[in-house]
Amino acid sequence: MTPATRRRDRRCPGRAGCFQDERGTELFDLPDAPRPAEDTPAPPRLLPEFDNLLLSHADRTRVVPADLRGRTWSGNQAHRVFLLDGFLAGIWHLDEGKERTTLTLEPFARVTRSDRAALVAEAERTLLLMTPSGAAYDVVMAES
């Protein structure tokens, strides 16, 4: 057994599966876990400020395109952001007024009609979790 095999075996004990991404980085998962096809689009996601996905990775290019680097912060304040197909695509704001709550989506670029519909649906699901039952809310899509 080679030293590399012994190291891999120590890192992948028991039921864990070891995989590699296109750059050779080791990835760990359950060996029989379901995995979508590579061309399966990721659903839109609204992330809170200081989300682990944006903070805990040395290489954020798997989520943040190089041309958008730095768009998730203003000074030392993190923005709430949203992802389209797994990549940073804009920021969002929440305005909690007396009569209604408004969630505003600000894309960094034009958004397709289908992405827009899916993003608004995700924003509505988020508002249902964040507002009292029966409270009025709006989702506003700012123009890019």
Foldseek 3Di string as FASTA:
>chain_A
DDPVVVVVCVVQDDQWDWDADPVGDIDIDGPPDDDDDPPDFDFKDWAAFPDCLPPVDPDNCQAEPPVCPPVQDDPPTGFTFMGGSRHTFFGWDWDDDPQEIEIETEGPADDDPVNVVRNVVNVVVVVCVVDPPPGHYYYHYDDD
